Amino acid sequence: MTNTLIEEPVVKTFAYFVLYMLLAVVVILLAVLLGDDGAWYFAWLIGTAMIVLIAAASAALLDAQEEHAAERAAGKSRPRT
């Protein structure tokens, strides 16, 4: 049992609140500074994230296909029906 006046979950929740408020202030300041260019930068960030995610998914799919082909060549798996 601790001898604090405020319990730990309350402090953690408050810390998250402060963190998110600071993040909101930074985002608002960036929006004001960027002005009309903000939408372009947002689209650029989203597009870059999508390209990275699609590339990762493609690599995982290629790896799974190569594994399946290797197993099939070794006779360890049966062909799909």
Protein backbone atom coordinates (compact mmCIF):
# COMPACT_ATOMS: atom_id res chain seq x y z
CA MET A 1 0.00 0.00 0.00
CA THR A 2 1.35 3.41 -0.93
CA ASN A 3 1.06 6.59 1.10
CA THR A 4 0.21 8.92 -1.77
CA LEU A 5 -2.77 11.23 -1.90
CA ILE A 6 -3.41 10.54 -5.57
CA GLU A 7 -3.65 7.00 -6.85
CA GLU A 8 -1.39 5.81 -9.67
CA PRO A 9 -4.10 5.35 -12.37
CA VAL A 10 -5.22 8.95 -11.87
CA VAL A 11 -1.67 10.22 -12.37
CA LYS A 12 -1.26 8.07 -15.49
CA THR A 13 -4.54 9.35 -16.94
CA PHE A 14 -3.56 12.93 -16.21
CA ALA A 15 -0.15 12.40 -17.82
CA TYR A 16 -1.83 11.09 -20.99
CA PHE A 17 -4.18 14.08 -20.96
CA VAL A 18 -1.26 16.52 -20.73
CA LEU A 19 0.64 14.66 -23.46
CA TYR A 20 -2.33 14.74 -25.83
CA MET A 21 -2.99 18.41 -25.10
CA LEU A 22 0.64 19.26 -25.94
CA LEU A 23 0.36 17.22 -29.11
CA ALA A 24 -2.82 19.10 -30.05
CA VAL A 25 -1.10 22.45 -29.50
CA VAL A 26 1.80 21.40 -31.73
CA VAL A 27 -0.58 20.23 -34.46
CA ILE A 28 -2.57 23.47 -34.31
CA LEU A 29 0.61 25.55 -34.49
CA LEU A 30 1.80 23.53 -37.48
CA ALA A 31 -1.56 24.02 -39.20
CA VAL A 32 -1.35 27.77 -38.68
CA LEU A 33 2.25 27.96 -39.91
CA LEU A 34 1.69 25.76 -42.96
CA GLY A 35 -1.53 27.43 -44.02
CA ASP A 36 -2.76 26.15 -47.38
CA ASP A 37 0.21 23.80 -47.75
CA GLY A 38 -0.93 21.74 -44.77
CA ALA A 39 -3.25 19.57 -46.85
CA TRP A 40 -0.41 18.74 -49.24
CA TYR A 41 1.89 17.69 -46.40
CA PHE A 42 -0.90 15.61 -44.85
CA ALA A 43 -1.53 13.83 -48.16
CA TRP A 44 2.21 13.25 -48.55
CA LEU A 45 2.45 11.65 -45.08
CA ILE A 46 -0.60 9.45 -45.65
CA GLY A 47 0.62 8.42 -49.10
CA THR A 48 4.08 7.55 -47.82
CA ALA A 49 2.60 5.47 -44.99
CA MET A 50 0.36 3.62 -47.46
CA ILE A 51 3.28 2.85 -49.78
CA VAL A 52 5.30 1.45 -46.89
CA LEU A 53 2.38 -0.68 -45.65
CA ILE A 54 1.61 -2.03 -49.13
CA ALA A 55 5.30 -2.86 -49.69
CA ALA A 56 5.44 -4.73 -46.36
CA ALA A 57 2.26 -6.67 -47.17
CA SER A 58 3.62 -7.54 -50.62
CA ALA A 59 6.88 -8.80 -49.12
CA ALA A 60 4.98 -10.97 -46.63
CA LEU A 61 2.80 -12.38 -49.42
CA LEU A 62 5.84 -13.13 -51.61
CA ASP A 63 7.57 -14.85 -48.69
CA ALA A 64 4.50 -17.01 -48.03
CA GLN A 65 4.25 -17.94 -51.71
CA GLU A 66 7.93 -18.89 -51.85
CA GLU A 67 7.56 -21.02 -48.70
CA HIS A 68 4.55 -22.79 -50.15
CA ALA A 69 6.36 -23.42 -53.44
CA ALA A 70 9.39 -24.82 -51.58
CA GLU A 71 7.20 -27.13 -49.48
CA ARG A 72 5.36 -28.28 -52.57
CA ALA A 73 8.64 -28.99 -54.39
CA ALA A 74 9.89 -31.01 -51.42
CA GLY A 75 6.63 -32.98 -51.37
CA LYS A 76 5.68 -31.83 -47.88
CA SER A 77 2.32 -30.36 -48.78
CA ARG A 78 -0.44 -31.35 -51.09
CA PRO A 79 -1.73 -29.13 -53.86
CA ARG A 80 -4.67 -26.89 -53.09
CA THR A 81 -8.07 -27.93 -54.41
